Amino acid sequence: MQVSVERQEGLERTLKVEIPSDRIEGAVEERLNRLQKQVRLDGFRPGKVPMRVVRTRYGGQVRQEVVGELIQSTLQEAVTQVEMQPAGSPRIDSADEQPDEGGMAYTATFEVYPEIELGEISDLAVEKPVAEVTEADVDGMIETLQKQRQEFEEVDRPAEQGDRVVIDFVGRIDGEAFEGGSGEDTPVDLGAGRMIDGFEDQLEGIRPSEERELEVKFPEEYGSSELAGRDATFSVTCKSVQAGRLPEVDEEFARQFGIESGSVDELRDGLRRNMERELKQALEAQVKRQVMDALVQRHPIDVPDALVSEEIGRLREQMKQRLGGQMGDEQLPDDLFREEALRRVRLGLLLSELVQNNGIQADDEAVREKVEEMASAYDDPQQVVQHYYENQQMLQGVQAMVVEDRVVDWILERANVTEKQTNFDEVMQQQNGQ
């Protein structure tokens, strides 16, 4: 078997494979001999059909089957022979028999994995945020919990930041009401930032029964293309102004959060532990993102289109699941996911190279610690741990996370790391994309 390789543009390669006639004919004869023992034809005893009859009746079909099977088996042999690793399924471009020589030749086109040369890690710059949970942070969390359970009472005064106003409204664009732009008895919390920019600000100072015209502009990235970037006028009637009353932080308040003893100190201790866990995870995620971004930027390697297409498919399916299957593929085009898919594929190849070159592994103890850390956020951690260890796919996902964490640690030990002092609120706001 002769094999030759032709380099195409980028990572694409064309493989030409020539199969000698003796290999084809030998396989055809072996298949016909087996068939002769099995075939049943009228006028002949089972297993006694002459070979010339079998060859005449089944020879073409057998040769076609043999050629197809040989293409599949020899392709793997050829790829191994030239020491290549296809990325994605090869495309068979032609398969021609050669009457003069009696053999056949075919070509297969595929992409290969890029050759990766990792650069120097020591000059990678990473800014590591450092923060801790303070008493003031716990106070802030207590206040947030109070606001979540505050009760509103009607007041006869102009609305202020933090108040709730109940309104009827009708929105118009170019003087015409638009779908979804009206509502009755709608509560709006001033300062919550849930309405489009400018809407809540223009309600400050409004009194019960007062009417106002609000001028706003929908953001360019607004979900509805018909409204995005458009100027709108909202006619608003204030039904009531309500001021919030925060609950006292006492035993009753603590019991609302599962503290059976009603101890406020116990509530604060529990909040601190949760906040410290969230802070630790957020800090690690931000450092990890920096390391991964720096790694990708340092190594702008070409990646196989086949792998990018597969990753686009995965990202699309994930989004469809998040949206409850409400959008079809035509509403989620490839370009929507291409940039992130490129990053993920490139990063995956770089991480794989780092792992192989440096023998980085996830041992059982580290995996167990990771599972227990993740389970600690649930009411019954042991049940969650058991669930992970009963689901091999989930456990493999944790193993991959541990390997990634160890790659990050390996890079941080060698990179140029500077610490940046920050605080809990800044870290969590960044983590939540605010």
Protein backbone atom coordinates (compact mmCIF):
# COMPACT_ATOMS: atom_id res chain seq x y z
CA MET A 1 0.00 0.00 0.00
CA GLN A 2 1.40 3.36 -1.07
CA VAL A 3 0.55 6.53 0.80
CA SER A 4 1.34 10.15 -0.06
CA VAL A 5 0.38 13.42 1.64
CA GLU A 6 -0.34 16.81 0.09
CA ARG A 7 -0.51 19.89 2.32
CA GLN A 8 -3.45 22.16 1.65
CA GLU A 9 -4.25 25.58 3.09
CA GLY A 10 -4.00 25.85 6.88
CA LEU A 11 -4.44 22.54 8.69
CA GLU A 12 -6.05 20.69 5.78
CA ARG A 13 -4.27 17.67 4.32
CA THR A 14 -5.06 15.39 1.38
CA LEU A 15 -4.04 11.77 1.70
CA LYS A 16 -3.70 9.59 -1.40
CA VAL A 17 -3.84 5.86 -0.78
CA GLU A 18 -3.10 3.21 -3.41
CA ILE A 19 -4.23 -0.35 -2.65
CA PRO A 20 -2.54 -3.13 -4.70
CA SER A 21 -4.66 -5.56 -6.69
CA ASP A 22 -3.57 -8.65 -4.76
CA ARG A 23 -5.06 -7.23 -1.55
CA ILE A 24 -8.36 -6.47 -3.25
CA GLU A 25 -8.56 -9.76 -5.13
CA GLY A 26 -7.55 -11.75 -2.08
CA ALA A 27 -10.34 -10.15 -0.03
CA VAL A 28 -12.87 -10.70 -2.84
CA GLU A 29 -11.93 -14.38 -3.19
CA GLU A 30 -12.12 -14.94 0.56
CA ARG A 31 -15.60 -13.36 0.68
CA LEU A 32 -16.79 -15.40 -2.33
CA ASN A 33 -15.51 -18.64 -0.81
CA ARG A 34 -17.47 -17.96 2.38
CA LEU A 35 -20.51 -17.05 0.35
CA GLN A 36 -20.29 -20.25 -1.74
CA LYS A 37 -20.73 -22.33 1.42
CA GLN A 38 -23.83 -20.38 2.45
CA VAL A 39 -25.68 -19.51 -0.76
CA ARG A 40 -28.77 -21.42 -1.81
CA LEU A 41 -29.84 -21.51 -5.47
CA ASP A 42 -32.47 -23.58 -7.18
CA GLY A 43 -30.98 -26.66 -8.88
CA PHE A 44 -27.97 -26.91 -6.58
CA ARG A 45 -27.46 -28.57 -3.24
CA PRO A 46 -26.58 -26.25 -0.33
CA GLY A 47 -22.87 -25.45 -0.40
CA LYS A 48 -22.41 -27.03 -3.87
CA VAL A 49 -23.10 -24.01 -6.09
CA PRO A 50 -20.19 -23.75 -8.59
CA MET A 51 -17.84 -20.85 -7.99
CA ARG A 52 -18.37 -19.53 -11.55
CA VAL A 53 -22.09 -19.20 -10.78
CA VAL A 54 -21.43 -17.52 -7.43
CA ARG A 55 -18.95 -15.17 -9.09
CA THR A 56 -21.36 -14.28 -11.88
CA ARG A 57 -24.31 -13.77 -9.55
CA TYR A 58 -22.58 -12.00 -6.61
CA GLY A 59 -19.14 -10.92 -7.81
CA GLY A 60 -20.03 -7.25 -8.45
CA GLN A 61 -21.79 -6.82 -5.10
CA VAL A 62 -18.97 -8.53 -3.20
CA ARG A 63 -16.33 -6.37 -4.87
CA GLN A 64 -18.27 -3.21 -4.00
CA GLU A 65 -18.54 -4.29 -0.35
CA VAL A 66 -14.85 -5.22 -0.19
CA VAL A 67 -13.75 -1.90 -1.70
CA GLY A 68 -15.86 0.04 0.82
CA GLU A 69 -14.46 -1.93 3.76
CA LEU A 70 -10.90 -1.61 2.47
CA ILE A 71 -11.24 2.16 2.24
CA GLN A 72 -12.26 2.30 5.90
CA SER A 73 -9.55 -0.08 7.15
CA THR A 74 -6.70 1.20 4.98
CA LEU A 75 -7.51 4.82 5.81
CA GLN A 76 -6.68 4.16 9.46
CA GLU A 77 -3.52 2.29 8.41
CA ALA A 78 -2.50 5.15 6.12
CA VAL A 79 -3.08 7.81 8.80
CA THR A 80 -0.96 5.79 11.24
CA GLN A 81 1.73 5.26 8.61
CA VAL A 82 2.18 8.99 7.97
CA GLU A 83 1.82 9.75 11.72
CA MET A 84 -1.12 12.09 11.43
CA GLN A 85 -4.08 12.69 13.74
CA PRO A 86 -7.23 13.75 11.86
CA ALA A 87 -9.46 16.31 13.55
CA GLY A 88 -12.99 15.35 12.62
CA SER A 89 -14.15 12.79 10.06
CA PRO A 90 -12.10 12.53 6.84
CA ARG A 91 -13.89 13.18 3.55
CA ILE A 92 -13.36 10.56 0.83
CA ASP A 93 -13.03 12.60 -2.35
CA SER A 94 -12.54 9.84 -4.92
CA ALA A 95 -12.18 6.09 -5.15
CA ASP A 96 -11.03 4.89 -8.58
CA GLU A 97 -10.12 1.39 -9.66
CA GLN A 98 -7.10 1.17 -11.92
CA PRO A 99 -7.76 -1.36 -14.70
CA ASP A 100 -4.16 -1.55 -15.91
CA GLU A 101 -2.67 -2.40 -12.54
CA GLY A 102 -5.81 -4.04 -11.15
CA GLY A 103 -5.63 -2.06 -7.91
CA MET A 104 -7.42 1.06 -6.73
CA ALA A 105 -6.66 4.49 -5.33
CA TYR A 106 -8.62 7.01 -3.30
CA THR A 107 -8.02 10.37 -1.66
CA ALA A 108 -9.16 11.51 1.75
CA THR A 109 -9.18 15.13 2.88
CA PHE A 110 -9.14 16.10 6.54
CA GLU A 111 -7.81 18.62 9.01
CA VAL A 112 -5.04 17.76 11.45
CA TYR A 113 -4.39 18.98 14.96
CA PRO A 114 -1.94 21.90 15.05
CA GLU A 115 1.62 21.49 16.21
CA ILE A 116 1.85 23.43 19.46
CA GLU A 117 5.01 25.01 20.81
CA LEU A 118 4.32 26.42 24.24
CA GLY A 119 5.97 29.75 24.93
CA GLU A 120 7.72 30.91 28.07
CA ILE A 121 5.34 31.03 31.03
CA SER A 122 7.45 33.20 33.32
CA ASP A 123 6.55 36.45 31.56
CA LEU A 124 2.81 35.87 31.55
CA ALA A 125 1.30 38.76 33.57
CA VAL A 126 -1.50 37.87 35.98
CA GLU A 127 -3.17 40.28 38.41
CA LYS A 128 -4.45 38.30 41.39
CA PRO A 129 -7.31 39.96 43.31
CA VAL A 130 -7.11 39.59 47.09
CA ALA A 131 -10.09 40.16 49.40
CA GLU A 132 -11.65 38.97 52.64
CA VAL A 133 -15.11 39.04 54.19
CA THR A 134 -15.35 41.79 56.82
CA GLU A 135 -17.95 42.55 59.47
CA ALA A 136 -19.14 45.41 57.26
CA ASP A 137 -19.71 42.91 54.44
CA VAL A 138 -21.83 40.73 56.75
CA ASP A 139 -23.75 43.86 57.82
CA GLY A 140 -24.38 44.59 54.17
CA MET A 141 -25.69 41.07 53.58
CA ILE A 142 -28.00 41.39 56.59
CA GLU A 143 -29.33 44.63 55.13
CA THR A 144 -29.90 42.93 51.78
CA LEU A 145 -31.90 40.20 53.52
CA GLN A 146 -33.91 42.86 55.34
CA LYS A 147 -34.76 44.58 52.06
CA GLN A 148 -35.86 41.27 50.56
CA ARG A 149 -38.40 40.94 53.38
CA GLN A 150 -39.40 44.55 53.80
CA GLU A 151 -43.06 45.49 53.84
CA PHE A 152 -44.40 48.52 51.99
CA GLU A 153 -46.88 51.02 53.41
CA GLU A 154 -48.62 53.80 51.50
CA VAL A 155 -47.40 57.33 52.21
CA ASP A 156 -48.72 60.73 51.19
CA ARG A 157 -45.56 62.41 49.98
CA PRO A 158 -43.37 62.64 46.86
CA ALA A 159 -41.62 59.37 45.91
CA GLU A 160 -37.97 58.99 46.90
CA GLN A 161 -35.19 56.56 46.05
CA GLY A 162 -35.98 53.23 47.71
CA ASP A 163 -39.74 53.80 47.55
CA ARG A 164 -42.14 51.66 45.55
CA VAL A 165 -44.58 53.42 43.24
CA VAL A 166 -47.59 51.64 41.76
CA ILE A 167 -48.40 52.96 38.29
CA ASP A 168 -50.56 52.58 35.20
CA PHE A 169 -48.62 53.32 32.03
CA VAL A 170 -48.91 53.35 28.24
CA GLY A 171 -45.82 53.48 26.03
CA ARG A 172 -45.82 55.04 22.54
CA ILE A 173 -43.33 55.29 19.71
CA ASP A 174 -44.01 57.98 17.11
CA GLY A 175 -47.39 58.47 18.79
CA GLU A 176 -48.44 54.83 18.40
CA ALA A 177 -48.83 52.42 21.32
CA PHE A 178 -46.65 49.32 20.93
CA GLU A 179 -47.17 45.74 22.02
CA GLY A 180 -46.06 45.03 25.59
CA GLY A 181 -45.67 48.72 26.36
CA SER A 182 -48.57 49.16 28.75
CA GLY A 183 -49.53 47.96 32.21
CA GLU A 184 -51.85 48.53 35.15
CA ASP A 185 -51.11 48.50 38.89
CA THR A 186 -47.45 47.86 38.10
CA PRO A 187 -45.05 48.16 41.07
CA VAL A 188 -41.78 49.94 40.33
CA ASP A 189 -39.03 50.04 42.98
CA LEU A 190 -37.07 53.25 42.54
CA GLY A 191 -33.34 52.61 42.42
CA ALA A 192 -33.70 48.88 41.69
CA GLY A 193 -32.61 49.35 38.07
CA ARG A 194 -35.17 46.90 36.68
CA MET A 195 -36.65 49.33 34.15
CA ILE A 196 -34.90 50.79 31.11
CA ASP A 197 -32.47 53.64 31.80
CA GLY A 198 -34.18 56.87 32.80
CA PHE A 199 -37.57 55.40 33.58
CA GLU A 200 -37.15 55.07 37.35
CA ASP A 201 -35.23 58.36 37.67
CA GLN A 202 -38.12 60.31 36.11
CA LEU A 203 -40.54 58.86 38.67
CA GLU A 204 -38.72 60.47 41.59
CA GLY A 205 -40.87 63.13 43.24
CA ILE A 206 -44.12 61.84 41.77
CA ARG A 207 -47.20 61.95 44.04
CA PRO A 208 -50.29 59.74 44.22
CA SER A 209 -52.76 60.54 41.36
CA GLU A 210 -50.12 62.57 39.54
CA GLU A 211 -49.67 62.06 35.79
CA ARG A 212 -46.34 62.34 33.98
CA GLU A 213 -44.85 61.91 30.53
CA LEU A 214 -41.52 60.04 30.58
CA GLU A 215 -39.08 60.28 27.67
CA VAL A 216 -36.77 57.25 27.37
CA LYS A 217 -34.64 55.49 24.79
CA PHE A 218 -34.51 51.73 24.44
CA PRO A 219 -30.95 50.37 24.48
CA GLU A 220 -29.40 49.30 21.19
CA GLU A 221 -29.04 45.73 22.47
CA TYR A 222 -32.65 45.50 23.64
CA GLY A 223 -34.24 42.08 23.23
CA SER A 224 -36.89 43.24 20.75
CA SER A 225 -35.40 44.36 17.43
CA GLU A 226 -38.51 46.50 16.81
CA LEU A 227 -37.80 48.55 19.94
CA ALA A 228 -33.99 48.49 20.11
CA GLY A 229 -32.53 51.99 19.88
CA ARG A 230 -35.95 53.65 19.55
CA ASP A 231 -37.16 56.74 21.45
CA ALA A 232 -40.37 56.20 23.40
CA THR A 233 -42.81 58.22 25.50
CA PHE A 234 -44.58 56.68 28.48
CA SER A 235 -47.77 58.23 29.86
CA VAL A 236 -47.77 57.38 33.57
CA THR A 237 -50.41 57.69 36.27
CA CYS A 238 -49.23 57.17 39.85
CA LYS A 239 -51.69 55.03 41.82
CA SER A 240 -49.74 55.10 45.10
CA VAL A 241 -46.38 55.81 46.71
CA GLN A 242 -45.19 53.21 49.21
CA ALA A 243 -42.29 53.40 51.64
CA GLY A 244 -40.49 50.25 52.71
CA ARG A 245 -40.27 49.20 56.35
CA LEU A 246 -37.34 46.94 57.17
CA PRO A 247 -37.92 44.09 59.63
CA GLU A 248 -36.01 44.08 62.91
CA VAL A 249 -32.96 41.80 63.02
CA ASP A 250 -34.15 39.65 65.89
CA GLU A 251 -34.97 36.04 66.73
CA GLU A 252 -37.99 35.96 64.43
CA PHE A 253 -35.88 37.32 61.58
CA ALA A 254 -33.15 34.70 62.16
CA ARG A 255 -35.67 31.84 62.17
CA GLN A 256 -36.84 32.87 58.70
CA PHE A 257 -33.42 31.73 57.47
CA GLY A 258 -33.45 28.32 59.11
CA ILE A 259 -31.82 29.29 62.43
CA GLU A 260 -34.01 27.27 64.80
CA SER A 261 -32.46 28.82 67.91
CA GLY A 262 -33.24 32.32 66.66
CA SER A 263 -29.64 33.36 67.38
CA VAL A 264 -28.63 36.40 65.36
CA ASP A 265 -24.96 35.55 66.00
CA GLU A 266 -25.54 32.08 64.52
CA LEU A 267 -27.18 33.70 61.49
CA ARG A 268 -24.20 36.00 61.02
CA ASP A 269 -21.75 33.09 61.34
CA GLY A 270 -23.64 31.13 58.71
CA LEU A 271 -23.75 34.11 56.37
CA ARG A 272 -20.02 34.67 56.82
CA ARG A 273 -19.24 31.05 55.93
CA ASN A 274 -21.39 31.23 52.82
CA MET A 275 -19.89 34.56 51.81
CA GLU A 276 -16.35 33.27 52.33
CA ARG A 277 -17.10 30.24 50.16
CA GLU A 278 -18.62 32.43 47.43
CA LEU A 279 -15.70 34.86 47.64
CA LYS A 280 -13.15 32.05 47.38
CA GLN A 281 -14.88 30.62 44.32
CA ALA A 282 -15.22 34.04 42.68
CA LEU A 283 -11.55 34.93 43.27
CA GLU A 284 -10.43 31.57 41.89
CA ALA A 285 -12.69 31.99 38.85
CA GLN A 286 -11.33 35.46 38.10
CA VAL A 287 -7.72 34.34 38.38
CA LYS A 288 -8.47 31.29 36.26
CA ARG A 289 -10.07 33.44 33.58
CA GLN A 290 -7.02 35.72 33.53
CA VAL A 291 -4.66 32.76 33.22
CA MET A 292 -6.69 31.19 30.43
CA ASP A 293 -7.01 34.48 28.54
CA ALA A 294 -3.28 35.10 28.83
CA LEU A 295 -2.55 31.57 27.61
CA VAL A 296 -4.80 31.96 24.57
CA GLN A 297 -3.46 35.42 23.71
CA ARG A 298 0.13 34.17 23.93
CA HIS A 299 -0.57 31.22 21.59
CA PRO A 300 -2.73 32.33 18.61
CA ILE A 301 -2.69 28.84 17.08
CA ASP A 302 -4.82 27.75 14.13
CA VAL A 303 -7.57 25.35 15.11
CA PRO A 304 -9.45 22.79 13.01
CA ASP A 305 -12.78 24.02 11.64
CA ALA A 306 -14.26 20.60 12.42
CA LEU A 307 -13.61 21.04 16.15
CA VAL A 308 -14.98 24.59 16.08
CA SER A 309 -18.17 23.36 14.39
CA GLU A 310 -18.60 20.68 17.05
CA GLU A 311 -18.15 23.25 19.82
CA ILE A 312 -20.64 25.61 18.17
CA GLY A 313 -23.13 22.76 18.20
CA ARG A 314 -22.58 22.17 21.92
CA LEU A 315 -22.93 25.87 22.75
CA ARG A 316 -26.12 26.10 20.71
CA GLU A 317 -27.65 23.11 22.50
CA GLN A 318 -26.73 24.60 25.88
CA MET A 319 -28.44 27.87 25.02
CA LYS A 320 -31.52 26.07 23.70
CA GLN A 321 -31.77 24.19 27.00
CA ARG A 322 -31.42 27.43 28.99
CA LEU A 323 -34.19 28.96 26.89
CA GLY A 324 -36.42 25.95 27.40
CA GLY A 325 -36.26 24.89 23.76
CA GLN A 326 -38.11 28.02 22.66
CA MET A 327 -35.69 28.88 19.84
CA GLY A 328 -34.72 26.85 16.79
CA ASP A 329 -31.33 26.52 15.08
CA GLU A 330 -32.28 29.18 12.51
CA GLN A 331 -32.67 31.70 15.35
CA LEU A 332 -29.29 30.75 16.81
CA PRO A 333 -26.84 31.08 13.89
CA ASP A 334 -23.27 29.82 14.02
CA ASP A 335 -21.82 33.33 14.13
CA LEU A 336 -23.50 33.87 17.51
CA PHE A 337 -21.22 31.23 19.04
CA ARG A 338 -18.15 31.26 16.81
CA GLU A 339 -15.90 33.55 18.86
CA GLU A 340 -16.49 31.64 22.11
CA ALA A 341 -16.18 28.30 20.30
CA LEU A 342 -12.80 29.35 18.83
CA ARG A 343 -11.59 30.35 22.27
CA ARG A 344 -12.71 27.11 23.87
CA VAL A 345 -11.17 24.89 21.20
CA ARG A 346 -7.89 26.81 21.25
CA LEU A 347 -7.81 26.71 25.04
CA GLY A 348 -8.62 23.00 25.12
CA LEU A 349 -5.71 22.19 22.80
CA LEU A 350 -3.30 24.32 24.83
CA LEU A 351 -4.40 22.80 28.13
CA SER A 352 -4.08 19.30 26.71
CA GLU A 353 -0.52 20.08 25.62
CA LEU A 354 0.36 21.47 29.04
CA VAL A 355 -1.14 18.47 30.81
CA GLN A 356 0.69 15.95 28.64
CA ASN A 357 4.01 17.75 28.72
CA ASN A 358 4.03 18.18 32.49
CA GLY A 359 2.27 15.08 33.73
CA ILE A 360 -0.52 17.02 35.43
CA GLN A 361 -3.19 14.71 36.86
CA ALA A 362 -6.26 14.68 39.09
CA ASP A 363 -5.73 12.23 41.96
CA ASP A 364 -8.64 10.68 43.88
CA GLU A 365 -8.07 12.80 46.99
CA ALA A 366 -8.21 16.09 45.06
CA VAL A 367 -11.37 14.99 43.24
CA ARG A 368 -13.00 14.07 46.53
CA GLU A 369 -12.12 17.46 48.02
CA LYS A 370 -13.61 19.23 45.00
CA VAL A 371 -16.84 17.23 45.19
CA GLU A 372 -17.18 17.92 48.92
CA GLU A 373 -16.51 21.62 48.37
CA MET A 374 -19.25 21.80 45.75
CA ALA A 375 -21.62 19.76 47.93
CA SER A 376 -21.13 22.04 50.94
CA ALA A 377 -23.49 24.61 49.40
CA TYR A 378 -26.45 22.20 49.70
CA ASP A 379 -28.64 21.28 52.66
CA ASP A 380 -27.55 17.62 52.56
CA PRO A 381 -23.91 17.60 51.39
CA GLN A 382 -23.44 13.85 51.86
CA GLN A 383 -26.35 13.06 49.57
CA VAL A 384 -24.84 15.31 46.88
CA VAL A 385 -21.44 13.62 47.26
CA GLN A 386 -23.06 10.22 46.86
CA HIS A 387 -24.92 11.42 43.77
CA TYR A 388 -21.66 12.49 42.14
CA TYR A 389 -19.95 9.18 42.85
CA GLU A 390 -22.91 7.26 41.44
CA ASN A 391 -22.79 9.23 38.17
CA GLN A 392 -19.61 8.57 36.21
CA GLN A 393 -20.22 11.40 33.74
CA MET A 394 -20.60 13.97 36.52
CA LEU A 395 -17.49 12.62 38.26
CA GLN A 396 -15.48 12.91 35.05
CA GLY A 397 -16.58 16.53 34.83
CA VAL A 398 -15.18 17.15 38.32
CA GLN A 399 -11.94 15.40 37.36
CA ALA A 400 -11.60 17.76 34.38
CA MET A 401 -12.20 20.74 36.69
CA VAL A 402 -9.46 19.53 39.06
CA VAL A 403 -7.02 19.13 36.16
CA GLU A 404 -7.81 22.67 35.00
CA ASP A 405 -7.29 23.99 38.55
CA ARG A 406 -3.93 22.25 38.72
CA VAL A 407 -2.91 23.69 35.36
CA VAL A 408 -3.77 27.15 36.70
CA ASP A 409 -1.73 26.51 39.86
CA TRP A 410 1.18 25.26 37.73
CA ILE A 411 1.10 28.43 35.62
CA LEU A 412 0.73 30.74 38.63
CA GLU A 413 3.85 29.22 40.19
CA ARG A 414 5.81 30.30 37.11
CA ALA A 415 4.01 33.42 35.87
CA ASN A 416 4.55 37.07 36.80
CA VAL A 417 1.82 37.45 39.44
CA THR A 418 0.96 40.72 41.17
CA GLU A 419 -1.66 41.04 43.90
CA LYS A 420 -4.43 43.63 43.83
CA GLN A 421 -6.31 44.43 47.03
CA THR A 422 -10.08 44.57 46.54
CA ASN A 423 -13.22 43.86 48.52
CA PHE A 424 -16.16 41.47 48.64
CA ASP A 425 -18.64 43.72 46.81
CA GLU A 426 -16.26 44.51 43.93
CA VAL A 427 -15.39 40.85 43.44
CA MET A 428 -19.01 39.71 43.43
CA GLN A 429 -20.13 42.54 41.14
CA GLN A 430 -17.45 41.59 38.65
CA GLN A 431 -18.40 37.94 38.96
CA ASN A 432 -22.03 38.78 38.22
CA GLY A 433 -21.10 40.98 35.27
CA GLN A 434 -22.23 44.21 36.86
